[in-house]
Amino acid sequence: MPPIFASPRALGLVAAMLAAVLDQFHKYWMLDVFGIEARQPVTLTPFLDVVLSWNYGVSYSLFPAHEDAGRALLLAGQGLIVAGLFWWMWRAPNRLTTLALGLVIGGALGNAADRLTRGAVADFFYLHTTLPVGPLANYVFNVADVAIAAGVALLLFESLFAPEPPAEGAAKA
């Protein structure tokens, strides 16, 4: 294993950096190189298109903030959440937890960068169906959202399937 990944903290930091950079590169490419705004929609499959959708709020466009004060409140809240996740990651003893939290942090930072520089979060992948299957019936997301979902999935996996740490008394016996 390369030395950079020997420390759980380093793995989490690298995951956060890669998720944020990949997200911002993809957004730059879609907006400024590919020009999705003029080409949309691009159909990839019967249930997945590439479009441009500006999200002025949080998940599912809840709490939209079109004014500077509202965006500042969203960014402040997001900053507090990222700080809490970073604190959790810094204290986590294993690589799976730090990797998962790093992905969530990186995704959150990628979306926060959009809010700071563009005033809204750019989403591109439009997952849709005609079936009434709940919130995923019509969902638009980006690379940052994929990183966040992957991080949450890893945390859930770890909580369900990771071996229990040895009890304190068992280690001394």
N, C-alpha and C. Protein backbone atom coordinates (compact mmCIF):
# COMPACT_ATOMS: atom_id res chain seq x y z
N MET A 1 0.85 -1.17 0.00
CA MET A 1 0.00 0.00 0.00
C MET A 1 0.91 1.24 0.00
N PRO A 2 0.63 2.20 -0.89
CA PRO A 2 1.46 3.41 -0.91
C PRO A 2 1.40 4.11 0.45
N PRO A 3 2.51 4.74 0.87
CA PRO A 3 2.57 5.37 2.19
C PRO A 3 1.46 6.42 2.42
N ILE A 4 1.02 7.10 1.38
CA ILE A 4 0.00 8.14 1.56
C ILE A 4 -1.29 7.54 2.09
N PHE A 5 -1.56 6.27 1.78
CA PHE A 5 -2.79 5.62 2.21
C PHE A 5 -2.62 4.82 3.50
N ALA A 6 -1.42 4.83 4.08
CA ALA A 6 -1.19 4.09 5.32
C ALA A 6 -2.00 4.68 6.46
N SER A 7 -2.15 5.97 6.49
CA SER A 7 -2.92 6.63 7.54
C SER A 7 -4.37 6.75 7.11
N PRO A 8 -5.30 6.35 7.99
CA PRO A 8 -6.72 6.53 7.64
C PRO A 8 -7.06 7.99 7.34
N ARG A 9 -6.47 8.92 8.08
CA ARG A 9 -6.74 10.35 7.84
C ARG A 9 -6.31 10.76 6.44
N ALA A 10 -5.15 10.30 6.03
CA ALA A 10 -4.65 10.66 4.69
C ALA A 10 -5.58 10.12 3.61
N LEU A 11 -6.07 8.90 3.79
CA LEU A 11 -6.98 8.32 2.81
C LEU A 11 -8.25 9.17 2.71
N GLY A 12 -8.79 9.58 3.85
CA GLY A 12 -9.98 10.43 3.85
C GLY A 12 -9.73 11.76 3.18
N LEU A 13 -8.58 12.37 3.45
CA LEU A 13 -8.26 13.66 2.83
C LEU A 13 -8.09 13.52 1.32
N VAL A 14 -7.43 12.45 0.88
CA VAL A 14 -7.26 12.22 -0.56
C VAL A 14 -8.60 11.97 -1.21
N ALA A 15 -9.47 11.20 -0.58
CA ALA A 15 -10.81 10.94 -1.13
C ALA A 15 -11.59 12.24 -1.26
N ALA A 16 -11.53 13.09 -0.24
CA ALA A 16 -12.24 14.38 -0.28
C ALA A 16 -11.71 15.24 -1.41
N MET A 17 -10.39 15.32 -1.53
CA MET A 17 -9.79 16.14 -2.58
C MET A 17 -10.15 15.62 -3.97
N LEU A 18 -10.05 14.32 -4.16
CA LEU A 18 -10.37 13.74 -5.48
C LEU A 18 -11.84 13.93 -5.84
N ALA A 19 -12.72 13.73 -4.88
CA ALA A 19 -14.16 13.90 -5.16
C ALA A 19 -14.46 15.34 -5.55
N ALA A 20 -13.91 16.30 -4.81
CA ALA A 20 -14.17 17.71 -5.11
C ALA A 20 -13.56 18.13 -6.45
N VAL A 21 -12.34 17.70 -6.70
CA VAL A 21 -11.67 18.07 -7.96
C VAL A 21 -12.35 17.42 -9.16
N LEU A 22 -12.70 16.14 -9.05
CA LEU A 22 -13.38 15.46 -10.15
C LEU A 22 -14.73 16.12 -10.44
N ASP A 23 -15.46 16.47 -9.38
CA ASP A 23 -16.74 17.14 -9.55
C ASP A 23 -16.56 18.49 -10.26
N GLN A 24 -15.62 19.29 -9.81
CA GLN A 24 -15.43 20.61 -10.41
C GLN A 24 -14.91 20.50 -11.85
N PHE A 25 -14.05 19.52 -12.12
CA PHE A 25 -13.58 19.32 -13.49
C PHE A 25 -14.75 18.93 -14.40
N HIS A 26 -15.60 18.02 -13.92
CA HIS A 26 -16.74 17.59 -14.73
C HIS A 26 -17.68 18.76 -15.01
N LYS A 27 -17.93 19.58 -14.01
CA LYS A 27 -18.81 20.74 -14.20
C LYS A 27 -18.20 21.73 -15.18
N TYR A 28 -16.90 21.98 -15.06
CA TYR A 28 -16.22 22.86 -16.01
C TYR A 28 -16.35 22.30 -17.43
N TRP A 29 -16.10 21.01 -17.58
CA TRP A 29 -16.16 20.40 -18.90
C TRP A 29 -17.57 20.49 -19.48
N MET A 30 -18.57 20.14 -18.69
CA MET A 30 -19.95 20.16 -19.18
C MET A 30 -20.41 21.57 -19.55
N LEU A 31 -20.05 22.56 -18.73
CA LEU A 31 -20.53 23.93 -18.96
C LEU A 31 -19.70 24.68 -19.99
N ASP A 32 -18.38 24.57 -19.90
CA ASP A 32 -17.51 25.43 -20.70
C ASP A 32 -16.88 24.77 -21.92
N VAL A 33 -16.80 23.45 -21.93
CA VAL A 33 -16.20 22.76 -23.07
C VAL A 33 -17.28 22.10 -23.92
N PHE A 34 -18.06 21.22 -23.33
CA PHE A 34 -19.11 20.51 -24.05
C PHE A 34 -20.27 21.42 -24.40
N GLY A 35 -20.57 22.38 -23.54
CA GLY A 35 -21.67 23.31 -23.79
C GLY A 35 -23.04 22.66 -23.67
N ILE A 36 -23.28 22.00 -22.54
CA ILE A 36 -24.52 21.26 -22.34
C ILE A 36 -25.75 22.15 -22.47
N GLU A 37 -25.65 23.41 -22.10
CA GLU A 37 -26.81 24.29 -22.14
C GLU A 37 -27.41 24.36 -23.55
N ALA A 38 -26.56 24.38 -24.57
CA ALA A 38 -27.04 24.47 -25.95
C ALA A 38 -27.38 23.11 -26.55
N ARG A 39 -26.91 22.02 -25.95
CA ARG A 39 -27.08 20.69 -26.53
C ARG A 39 -28.12 19.83 -25.85
N GLN A 40 -28.66 20.28 -24.76
CA GLN A 40 -29.54 19.42 -23.97
C GLN A 40 -30.89 19.21 -24.62
N PRO A 41 -31.55 18.14 -24.34
CA PRO A 41 -31.09 16.99 -23.58
C PRO A 41 -30.29 16.03 -24.45
N VAL A 42 -29.34 15.36 -23.84
CA VAL A 42 -28.59 14.31 -24.50
C VAL A 42 -29.07 12.99 -23.89
N THR A 43 -29.72 12.17 -24.70
CA THR A 43 -30.27 10.91 -24.20
C THR A 43 -29.19 9.85 -24.19
N LEU A 44 -28.96 9.27 -23.01
CA LEU A 44 -27.99 8.18 -22.88
C LEU A 44 -28.68 6.83 -22.87
N THR A 45 -29.78 6.73 -22.16
CA THR A 45 -30.58 5.52 -22.09
C THR A 45 -32.05 5.95 -22.02
N PRO A 46 -32.99 5.01 -22.08
CA PRO A 46 -34.40 5.40 -21.95
C PRO A 46 -34.74 6.04 -20.59
N PHE A 47 -33.86 5.88 -19.61
CA PHE A 47 -34.15 6.42 -18.28
C PHE A 47 -33.10 7.41 -17.78
N LEU A 48 -32.10 7.74 -18.62
CA LEU A 48 -31.04 8.65 -18.18
C LEU A 48 -30.68 9.61 -19.31
N ASP A 49 -30.83 10.90 -19.03
CA ASP A 49 -30.45 11.96 -19.96
C ASP A 49 -29.40 12.84 -19.31
N VAL A 50 -28.67 13.57 -20.14
CA VAL A 50 -27.76 14.60 -19.64
C VAL A 50 -28.40 15.94 -19.98
N VAL A 51 -28.59 16.76 -18.95
CA VAL A 51 -29.24 18.06 -19.08
C VAL A 51 -28.48 19.05 -18.20
N LEU A 52 -28.92 20.29 -18.21
CA LEU A 52 -28.40 21.27 -17.26
C LEU A 52 -29.56 21.74 -16.39
N SER A 53 -29.39 21.56 -15.10
CA SER A 53 -30.40 22.00 -14.14
C SER A 53 -29.68 22.72 -13.01
N TRP A 54 -30.11 23.94 -12.73
CA TRP A 54 -29.51 24.72 -11.65
C TRP A 54 -30.31 24.50 -10.37
N ASN A 55 -29.65 24.06 -9.33
CA ASN A 55 -30.30 23.81 -8.04
C ASN A 55 -29.92 24.95 -7.10
N TYR A 56 -30.89 25.77 -6.76
CA TYR A 56 -30.65 26.91 -5.87
C TYR A 56 -30.86 26.55 -4.40
N GLY A 57 -31.24 25.32 -4.13
CA GLY A 57 -31.48 24.90 -2.75
C GLY A 57 -30.59 23.74 -2.37
N VAL A 58 -31.14 22.86 -1.54
CA VAL A 58 -30.42 21.66 -1.15
C VAL A 58 -31.06 20.48 -1.88
N SER A 59 -30.96 19.29 -1.36
CA SER A 59 -31.51 18.11 -2.03
C SER A 59 -32.93 18.34 -2.50
N TYR A 60 -33.20 17.89 -3.71
CA TYR A 60 -34.52 18.04 -4.35
C TYR A 60 -34.96 19.50 -4.40
N SER A 61 -34.02 20.42 -4.44
CA SER A 61 -34.27 21.87 -4.52
C SER A 61 -35.05 22.41 -3.33
N LEU A 62 -34.97 21.76 -2.19
CA LEU A 62 -35.61 22.27 -0.99
C LEU A 62 -34.90 23.55 -0.52
N PHE A 63 -35.62 24.45 0.06
CA PHE A 63 -35.10 25.70 0.60
C PHE A 63 -34.31 26.50 -0.45
N PRO A 64 -34.92 26.80 -1.59
CA PRO A 64 -34.20 27.55 -2.63
C PRO A 64 -33.78 28.92 -2.13
N ALA A 65 -32.56 29.31 -2.50
CA ALA A 65 -32.01 30.59 -2.08
C ALA A 65 -31.51 31.33 -3.32
N HIS A 66 -32.27 32.30 -3.79
CA HIS A 66 -31.88 33.07 -4.96
C HIS A 66 -31.16 34.36 -4.59
N GLU A 67 -31.27 34.78 -3.36
CA GLU A 67 -30.64 36.02 -2.89
C GLU A 67 -29.33 35.69 -2.18
N ASP A 68 -28.45 36.69 -2.10
CA ASP A 68 -27.14 36.50 -1.46
C ASP A 68 -27.26 36.05 -0.01
N ALA A 69 -28.20 36.63 0.73
CA ALA A 69 -28.35 36.27 2.15
C ALA A 69 -28.75 34.80 2.30
N GLY A 70 -29.66 34.34 1.46
CA GLY A 70 -30.07 32.94 1.51
C GLY A 70 -28.95 31.99 1.15
N ARG A 71 -28.17 32.35 0.12
CA ARG A 71 -27.03 31.52 -0.27
C ARG A 71 -25.99 31.49 0.86
N ALA A 72 -25.80 32.62 1.52
CA ALA A 72 -24.85 32.67 2.63
C ALA A 72 -25.30 31.75 3.76
N LEU A 73 -26.60 31.73 4.04
CA LEU A 73 -27.11 30.83 5.08
C LEU A 73 -26.92 29.37 4.69
N LEU A 74 -27.21 29.04 3.43
CA LEU A 74 -26.99 27.66 2.97
C LEU A 74 -25.52 27.28 3.08
N LEU A 75 -24.64 28.19 2.67
CA LEU A 75 -23.20 27.91 2.75
C LEU A 75 -22.74 27.78 4.20
N ALA A 76 -23.27 28.60 5.09
CA ALA A 76 -22.90 28.51 6.50
C ALA A 76 -23.34 27.16 7.08
N GLY A 77 -24.56 26.76 6.77
CA GLY A 77 -25.04 25.46 7.23
C GLY A 77 -24.22 24.33 6.67
N GLN A 78 -23.90 24.43 5.39
CA GLN A 78 -23.08 23.41 4.74
C GLN A 78 -21.69 23.37 5.37
N GLY A 79 -21.16 24.54 5.69
CA GLY A 79 -19.84 24.61 6.32
C GLY A 79 -19.83 23.95 7.69
N LEU A 80 -20.89 24.16 8.47
CA LEU A 80 -20.98 23.51 9.78
C LEU A 80 -21.06 21.99 9.64
N ILE A 81 -21.82 21.53 8.68
CA ILE A 81 -21.95 20.09 8.45
C ILE A 81 -20.61 19.50 8.02
N VAL A 82 -19.92 20.16 7.10
CA VAL A 82 -18.62 19.68 6.63
C VAL A 82 -17.61 19.67 7.79
N ALA A 83 -17.64 20.70 8.63
CA ALA A 83 -16.74 20.74 9.78
C ALA A 83 -17.00 19.56 10.71
N GLY A 84 -18.28 19.26 10.96
CA GLY A 84 -18.61 18.11 11.79
C GLY A 84 -18.16 16.80 11.18
N LEU A 85 -18.35 16.65 9.88
CA LEU A 85 -17.91 15.44 9.19
C LEU A 85 -16.39 15.32 9.20
N PHE A 86 -15.72 16.46 9.04
CA PHE A 86 -14.26 16.45 9.07
C PHE A 86 -13.76 16.04 10.46
N TRP A 87 -14.40 16.55 11.50
CA TRP A 87 -14.03 16.18 12.86
C TRP A 87 -14.22 14.68 13.06
N TRP A 88 -15.35 14.14 12.59
CA TRP A 88 -15.62 12.70 12.68
C TRP A 88 -14.55 11.92 11.91
N MET A 89 -14.23 12.38 10.69
CA MET A 89 -13.22 11.68 9.88
C MET A 89 -11.86 11.70 10.58
N TRP A 90 -11.51 12.81 11.18
CA TRP A 90 -10.20 12.94 11.80
C TRP A 90 -10.06 11.98 12.98
N ARG A 91 -11.16 11.67 13.64
CA ARG A 91 -11.14 10.80 14.81
C ARG A 91 -11.39 9.34 14.46
N ALA A 92 -11.80 9.06 13.24
CA ALA A 92 -12.14 7.69 12.85
C ALA A 92 -10.89 6.82 12.82
N PRO A 93 -10.98 5.61 13.35
CA PRO A 93 -9.79 4.76 13.45
C PRO A 93 -9.52 3.89 12.23
N ASN A 94 -10.47 3.77 11.30
CA ASN A 94 -10.23 2.83 10.19
C ASN A 94 -10.41 3.49 8.82
N ARG A 95 -9.86 2.84 7.84
CA ARG A 95 -9.83 3.38 6.48
C ARG A 95 -11.22 3.47 5.83
N LEU A 96 -12.07 2.48 6.06
CA LEU A 96 -13.38 2.49 5.42
C LEU A 96 -14.19 3.71 5.87
N THR A 97 -14.16 4.00 7.15
CA THR A 97 -14.90 5.17 7.65
C THR A 97 -14.32 6.46 7.07
N THR A 98 -12.99 6.58 7.08
CA THR A 98 -12.40 7.82 6.57
C THR A 98 -12.60 7.96 5.07
N LEU A 99 -12.55 6.85 4.33
CA LEU A 99 -12.82 6.91 2.90
C LEU A 99 -14.25 7.39 2.66
N ALA A 100 -15.20 6.79 3.38
CA ALA A 100 -16.61 7.16 3.22
C ALA A 100 -16.83 8.63 3.56
N LEU A 101 -16.32 9.06 4.69
CA LEU A 101 -16.50 10.46 5.10
C LEU A 101 -15.77 11.41 4.15
N GLY A 102 -14.63 11.00 3.64
CA GLY A 102 -13.91 11.82 2.67
C GLY A 102 -14.72 12.03 1.40
N LEU A 103 -15.40 10.99 0.94
CA LEU A 103 -16.26 11.12 -0.24
C LEU A 103 -17.41 12.09 0.02
N VAL A 104 -18.03 11.98 1.19
CA VAL A 104 -19.13 12.88 1.53
C VAL A 104 -18.63 14.32 1.62
N ILE A 105 -17.50 14.51 2.29
CA ILE A 105 -16.93 15.85 2.44
C ILE A 105 -16.56 16.43 1.07
N GLY A 106 -15.91 15.64 0.24
CA GLY A 106 -15.52 16.12 -1.09
C GLY A 106 -16.71 16.49 -1.94
N GLY A 107 -17.76 15.69 -1.89
CA GLY A 107 -18.98 16.01 -2.63
C GLY A 107 -19.61 17.30 -2.13
N ALA A 108 -19.66 17.45 -0.82
CA ALA A 108 -20.23 18.67 -0.24
C ALA A 108 -19.40 19.89 -0.62
N LEU A 109 -18.08 19.75 -0.63
CA LEU A 109 -17.22 20.87 -1.01
C LEU A 109 -17.37 21.21 -2.50
N GLY A 110 -17.55 20.19 -3.33
CA GLY A 110 -17.77 20.45 -4.76
C GLY A 110 -19.05 21.24 -4.99
N ASN A 111 -20.12 20.87 -4.30
CA ASN A 111 -21.38 21.60 -4.45
C ASN A 111 -21.29 22.99 -3.83
N ALA A 112 -20.56 23.11 -2.72
CA ALA A 112 -20.37 24.43 -2.10
C ALA A 112 -19.58 25.36 -3.03
N ALA A 113 -18.61 24.81 -3.73
CA ALA A 113 -17.84 25.62 -4.68
C ALA A 113 -18.75 26.18 -5.76
N ASP A 114 -19.70 25.37 -6.23
CA ASP A 114 -20.68 25.86 -7.21
C ASP A 114 -21.50 27.01 -6.63
N ARG A 115 -21.98 26.82 -5.43
CA ARG A 115 -22.82 27.85 -4.80
C ARG A 115 -22.04 29.16 -4.65
N LEU A 116 -20.76 29.04 -4.33
CA LEU A 116 -19.91 30.23 -4.18
C LEU A 116 -19.62 30.90 -5.52
N THR A 117 -19.29 30.12 -6.53
CA THR A 117 -18.84 30.70 -7.80
C THR A 117 -19.94 30.92 -8.82
N ARG A 118 -21.00 30.12 -8.75
CA ARG A 118 -22.06 30.22 -9.76
C ARG A 118 -23.41 30.63 -9.20
N GLY A 119 -23.53 30.67 -7.88
CA GLY A 119 -24.78 31.05 -7.24
C GLY A 119 -25.78 29.92 -7.11
N ALA A 120 -25.49 28.78 -7.70
CA ALA A 120 -26.35 27.60 -7.64
C ALA A 120 -25.51 26.38 -8.00
N VAL A 121 -26.02 25.21 -7.69
CA VAL A 121 -25.32 23.96 -7.98
C VAL A 121 -25.77 23.45 -9.36
N ALA A 122 -24.80 23.14 -10.20
CA ALA A 122 -25.09 22.60 -11.53
C ALA A 122 -25.26 21.08 -11.44
N ASP A 123 -26.43 20.61 -11.89
CA ASP A 123 -26.72 19.18 -11.95
C ASP A 123 -26.87 18.79 -13.42
N PHE A 124 -26.51 17.55 -13.75
CA PHE A 124 -26.48 17.14 -15.16
C PHE A 124 -27.19 15.83 -15.48
N PHE A 125 -27.15 14.89 -14.58
CA PHE A 125 -27.66 13.56 -14.88
C PHE A 125 -29.12 13.47 -14.46
N TYR A 126 -30.00 13.27 -15.43
CA TYR A 126 -31.44 13.25 -15.19
C TYR A 126 -31.92 11.81 -15.25
N LEU A 127 -32.17 11.24 -14.09
CA LEU A 127 -32.68 9.88 -13.97
C LEU A 127 -34.20 9.98 -13.89
N HIS A 128 -34.89 9.31 -14.82
CA HIS A 128 -36.34 9.46 -14.87
C HIS A 128 -37.01 8.16 -15.29
N THR A 129 -38.27 8.06 -14.92
CA THR A 129 -39.09 6.93 -15.29
C THR A 129 -40.55 7.39 -15.28
N THR A 130 -41.38 6.64 -15.95
CA THR A 130 -42.81 6.96 -15.92
C THR A 130 -43.50 6.20 -14.79
N LEU A 131 -42.77 5.33 -14.12
CA LEU A 131 -43.35 4.58 -13.01
C LEU A 131 -43.37 5.45 -11.75
N PRO A 132 -44.39 5.34 -10.95
CA PRO A 132 -44.43 6.12 -9.70
C PRO A 132 -43.60 5.42 -8.62
N VAL A 133 -42.28 5.57 -8.68
CA VAL A 133 -41.39 4.84 -7.79
C VAL A 133 -40.79 5.71 -6.70
N GLY A 134 -41.44 6.76 -6.33
CA GLY A 134 -40.94 7.59 -5.24
C GLY A 134 -40.01 8.68 -5.74
N PRO A 135 -39.07 9.09 -4.88
CA PRO A 135 -38.25 10.26 -5.19
C PRO A 135 -37.33 10.07 -6.39
N LEU A 136 -37.00 8.84 -6.74
CA LEU A 136 -36.11 8.63 -7.88
C LEU A 136 -36.86 8.62 -9.21
N ALA A 137 -38.15 8.88 -9.19
CA ALA A 137 -38.90 8.92 -10.44
C ALA A 137 -38.38 10.03 -11.34
N ASN A 138 -37.93 11.11 -10.77
CA ASN A 138 -37.34 12.22 -11.51
C ASN A 138 -36.28 12.84 -10.63
N TYR A 139 -35.03 12.54 -10.92
CA TYR A 139 -33.94 12.98 -10.06
C TYR A 139 -32.80 13.49 -10.92
N VAL A 140 -32.32 14.70 -10.64
CA VAL A 140 -31.20 15.28 -11.37
C VAL A 140 -30.04 15.41 -10.38
N PHE A 141 -28.87 14.94 -10.79
CA PHE A 141 -27.73 14.93 -9.87
C PHE A 141 -26.43 15.19 -10.60
N ASN A 142 -25.33 15.26 -9.85
CA ASN A 142 -24.01 15.53 -10.43
C ASN A 142 -22.97 14.59 -9.80
N VAL A 143 -21.72 14.75 -10.17
CA VAL A 143 -20.65 13.90 -9.66
C VAL A 143 -20.52 14.04 -8.15
N ALA A 144 -20.67 15.25 -7.62
CA ALA A 144 -20.59 15.46 -6.17
C ALA A 144 -21.66 14.65 -5.46
N ASP A 145 -22.85 14.63 -6.01
CA ASP A 145 -23.94 13.85 -5.41
C ASP A 145 -23.63 12.36 -5.44
N VAL A 146 -22.98 11.90 -6.49
CA VAL A 146 -22.58 10.49 -6.57
C VAL A 146 -21.56 10.18 -5.47
N ALA A 147 -20.60 11.08 -5.25
CA ALA A 147 -19.61 10.88 -4.19
C ALA A 147 -20.29 10.84 -2.83
N ILE A 148 -21.24 11.74 -2.59
CA ILE A 148 -21.96 11.77 -1.32
C ILE A 148 -22.74 10.46 -1.13
N ALA A 149 -23.46 10.03 -2.15
CA ALA A 149 -24.24 8.80 -2.05
C ALA A 149 -23.33 7.59 -1.84
N ALA A 150 -22.18 7.55 -2.52
CA ALA A 150 -21.24 6.44 -2.34
C ALA A 150 -20.68 6.44 -0.92
N GLY A 151 -20.37 7.61 -0.39
CA GLY A 151 -19.87 7.70 0.99
C GLY A 151 -20.91 7.22 1.99
N VAL A 152 -22.15 7.64 1.82
CA VAL A 152 -23.22 7.21 2.71
C VAL A 152 -23.43 5.70 2.59
N ALA A 153 -23.37 5.18 1.38
CA ALA A 153 -23.53 3.73 1.18
C ALA A 153 -22.41 2.96 1.89
N LEU A 154 -21.18 3.47 1.83
CA LEU A 154 -20.07 2.82 2.53
C LEU A 154 -20.27 2.86 4.05
N LEU A 155 -20.76 3.99 4.56
CA LEU A 155 -21.04 4.07 6.00
C LEU A 155 -22.13 3.08 6.42
N LEU A 156 -23.17 2.96 5.59
CA LEU A 156 -24.22 1.98 5.88
C LEU A 156 -23.68 0.55 5.82
N PHE A 157 -22.88 0.28 4.80
CA PHE A 157 -22.28 -1.05 4.67
C PHE A 157 -21.45 -1.36 5.91
N GLU A 158 -20.63 -0.41 6.32
CA GLU A 158 -19.77 -0.62 7.49
C GLU A 158 -20.60 -0.86 8.75
N SER A 159 -21.67 -0.09 8.91
CA SER A 159 -22.47 -0.24 10.13
C SER A 159 -23.20 -1.59 10.16
N LEU A 160 -23.49 -2.15 9.00
CA LEU A 160 -24.22 -3.43 8.95
C LEU A 160 -23.30 -4.65 8.92
N PHE A 161 -22.14 -4.54 8.28
CA PHE A 161 -21.34 -5.73 8.02
C PHE A 161 -19.93 -5.72 8.59
N ALA A 162 -19.47 -4.60 9.13
CA ALA A 162 -18.11 -4.57 9.68
C ALA A 162 -18.05 -5.38 10.96
N PRO A 163 -16.95 -6.07 11.19
CA PRO A 163 -16.83 -6.85 12.42
C PRO A 163 -16.80 -5.92 13.64
N GLU A 164 -17.35 -6.41 14.73
CA GLU A 164 -17.36 -5.63 15.98
C GLU A 164 -15.93 -5.53 16.50
N PRO A 165 -15.56 -4.36 17.03
CA PRO A 165 -14.22 -4.27 17.64
C PRO A 165 -14.18 -5.11 18.91
N PRO A 166 -13.02 -5.63 19.26
CA PRO A 166 -12.94 -6.47 20.47
C PRO A 166 -13.29 -5.64 21.71
N ALA A 167 -13.92 -6.28 22.67
CA ALA A 167 -14.27 -5.60 23.92
C ALA A 167 -13.00 -5.24 24.66
N GLU A 168 -13.06 -4.21 25.49
CA GLU A 168 -11.87 -3.75 26.22
C GLU A 168 -11.30 -4.85 27.11
N GLY A 169 -12.17 -5.56 27.80
CA GLY A 169 -11.70 -6.61 28.70
C GLY A 169 -11.08 -7.79 27.96
N ALA A 170 -11.54 -8.07 26.74
CA ALA A 170 -11.03 -9.20 25.97
C ALA A 170 -9.60 -8.98 25.53
N ALA A 171 -9.23 -7.74 25.28
CA ALA A 171 -7.87 -7.46 24.82
C ALA A 171 -6.86 -7.64 25.94
N LYS A 172 -7.27 -7.45 27.20
CA LYS A 172 -6.35 -7.53 28.33
C LYS A 172 -6.25 -8.95 28.88
N ALA A 173 -7.19 -9.79 28.56
CA ALA A 173 -7.22 -11.14 29.15
C ALA A 173 -6.21 -12.07 28.56
